[in-house]
């Protein structure tokens, strides 16, 4: 009970920060590889959705990227 009330909230902040930093690196790496090799894929789709401010498409892309395969 002590872990759940005191330790878990304090441990979630750095964990969440690192997860989202790594997610940003994955997306930026995909965009770079697709731009260099002219491969269409999620990176290019993400870049186009960002430029067009297409929020529903961005949400879908992040759900696909965050899927852990369960």
C-alpha atoms as a PDB file:
ATOM      1  CA  UNK A   1       0.000   0.000   0.000  1.00  0.00           C
ATOM      2  CA  UNK A   2       2.884   2.357   0.768  1.00  0.00           C
ATOM      3  CA  UNK A   3       4.444   1.643  -2.616  1.00  0.00           C
ATOM      4  CA  UNK A   4       1.197   2.338  -4.426  1.00  0.00           C
ATOM      5  CA  UNK A   5       0.517   5.630  -2.653  1.00  0.00           C
ATOM      6  CA  UNK A   6       4.012   7.076  -2.318  1.00  0.00           C
ATOM      7  CA  UNK A   7       6.537   5.367  -4.569  1.00  0.00           C
ATOM      8  CA  UNK A   8       4.468   4.835  -7.712  1.00  0.00           C
ATOM      9  CA  UNK A   9       3.469   8.484  -8.301  1.00  0.00           C
ATOM     10  CA  UNK A  10       7.086   9.565  -7.847  1.00  0.00           C
ATOM     11  CA  UNK A  11       8.362   6.856 -10.188  1.00  0.00           C
ATOM     12  CA  UNK A  12       5.856   7.597 -12.956  1.00  0.00           C
ATOM     13  CA  UNK A  13       7.130  11.078 -13.806  1.00  0.00           C
ATOM     14  CA  UNK A  14      10.670  10.140 -14.945  1.00  0.00           C
ATOM     15  CA  UNK A  15       9.398   6.957 -16.582  1.00  0.00           C
ATOM     16  CA  UNK A  16       6.792   8.839 -18.595  1.00  0.00           C
ATOM     17  CA  UNK A  17       9.354  11.465 -19.581  1.00  0.00           C
ATOM     18  CA  UNK A  18      11.799   8.856 -20.880  1.00  0.00           C
ATOM     19  CA  UNK A  19       9.111   6.971 -22.788  1.00  0.00           C
ATOM     20  CA  UNK A  20       8.007  10.081 -24.658  1.00  0.00           C
ATOM     21  CA  UNK A  21      11.592  11.183 -25.346  1.00  0.00           C
ATOM     22  CA  UNK A  22      12.332   7.798 -26.899  1.00  0.00           C
ATOM     23  CA  UNK A  23       9.083   7.897 -28.879  1.00  0.00           C
ATOM     24  CA  UNK A  24      10.186  11.236 -30.343  1.00  0.00           C
ATOM     25  CA  UNK A  25      13.534   9.743 -31.336  1.00  0.00           C
ATOM     26  CA  UNK A  26      11.826   6.778 -33.026  1.00  0.00           C
ATOM     27  CA  UNK A  27       9.527   9.038 -35.049  1.00  0.00           C
ATOM     28  CA  UNK A  28      12.335  11.410 -36.037  1.00  0.00           C
ATOM     29  CA  UNK A  29      14.533   8.462 -37.038  1.00  0.00           C
ATOM     30  CA  UNK A  30      11.748   7.056 -39.205  1.00  0.00           C
ATOM     31  CA  UNK A  31      11.285  10.410 -40.920  1.00  0.00           C
ATOM     32  CA  UNK A  32      15.032  10.688 -41.585  1.00  0.00           C
ATOM     33  CA  UNK A  33      15.374   7.167 -43.023  1.00  0.00           C
ATOM     34  CA  UNK A  34      12.318   7.601 -45.214  1.00  0.00           C
ATOM     35  CA  UNK A  35      13.572  10.951 -46.511  1.00  0.00           C
ATOM     36  CA  UNK A  36      17.054   9.610 -47.318  1.00  0.00           C
ATOM     37  CA  UNK A  37      15.853   6.444 -49.067  1.00  0.00           C
ATOM     38  CA  UNK A  38      12.581   7.850 -50.478  1.00  0.00           C
ATOM     39  CA  UNK A  39      10.528   5.139 -48.770  1.00  0.00           C
ATOM     40  CA  UNK A  40       6.894   6.027 -48.093  1.00  0.00           C
ATOM     41  CA  UNK A  41       5.836   5.059 -44.585  1.00  0.00           C
ATOM     42  CA  UNK A  42       4.694   6.222 -41.175  1.00  0.00           C
ATOM     43  CA  UNK A  43       7.469   8.784 -40.852  1.00  0.00           C
ATOM     44  CA  UNK A  44       6.481  10.579 -44.034  1.00  0.00           C
ATOM     45  CA  UNK A  45       2.814  10.299 -43.105  1.00  0.00           C
ATOM     46  CA  UNK A  46       3.599  11.807 -39.685  1.00  0.00           C
ATOM     47  CA  UNK A  47       5.495  14.710 -41.233  1.00  0.00           C
ATOM     48  CA  UNK A  48       2.646  15.425 -43.656  1.00  0.00           C
ATOM     49  CA  UNK A  49       0.061  15.213 -40.866  1.00  0.00           C
ATOM     50  CA  UNK A  50       2.108  17.650 -38.772  1.00  0.00           C
ATOM     51  CA  UNK A  51       2.322  20.137 -41.633  1.00  0.00           C
ATOM     52  CA  UNK A  52      -1.414  19.861 -42.346  1.00  0.00           C
ATOM     53  CA  UNK A  53      -2.327  19.930 -38.620  1.00  0.00           C
ATOM     54  CA  UNK A  54      -4.353  16.738 -39.065  1.00  0.00           C
ATOM     55  CA  UNK A  55      -4.904  15.830 -35.405  1.00  0.00           C
ATOM     56  CA  UNK A  56      -7.044  12.694 -35.894  1.00  0.00           C
ATOM     57  CA  UNK A  57      -4.395  11.223 -38.192  1.00  0.00           C
ATOM     58  CA  UNK A  58      -1.637  12.068 -35.695  1.00  0.00           C
ATOM     59  CA  UNK A  59      -3.586  10.391 -32.906  1.00  0.00           C
ATOM     60  CA  UNK A  60      -3.952   7.269 -35.022  1.00  0.00           C
ATOM     61  CA  UNK A  61      -0.254   7.221 -35.874  1.00  0.00           C
ATOM     62  CA  UNK A  62       0.753   7.527 -32.223  1.00  0.00           C
ATOM     63  CA  UNK A  63      -1.632   4.733 -31.260  1.00  0.00           C
ATOM     64  CA  UNK A  64      -0.034   2.503 -33.903  1.00  0.00           C
ATOM     65  CA  UNK A  65       3.484   3.428 -32.746  1.00  0.00           C
ATOM     66  CA  UNK A  66       2.601   2.946 -29.073  1.00  0.00           C
ATOM     67  CA  UNK A  67       0.991  -0.477 -29.599  1.00  0.00           C
ATOM     68  CA  UNK A  68       2.980  -3.068 -27.656  1.00  0.00           C
ATOM     69  CA  UNK A  69       1.637  -6.042 -29.581  1.00  0.00           C
ATOM     70  CA  UNK A  70      -0.740  -7.342 -26.911  1.00  0.00           C
END
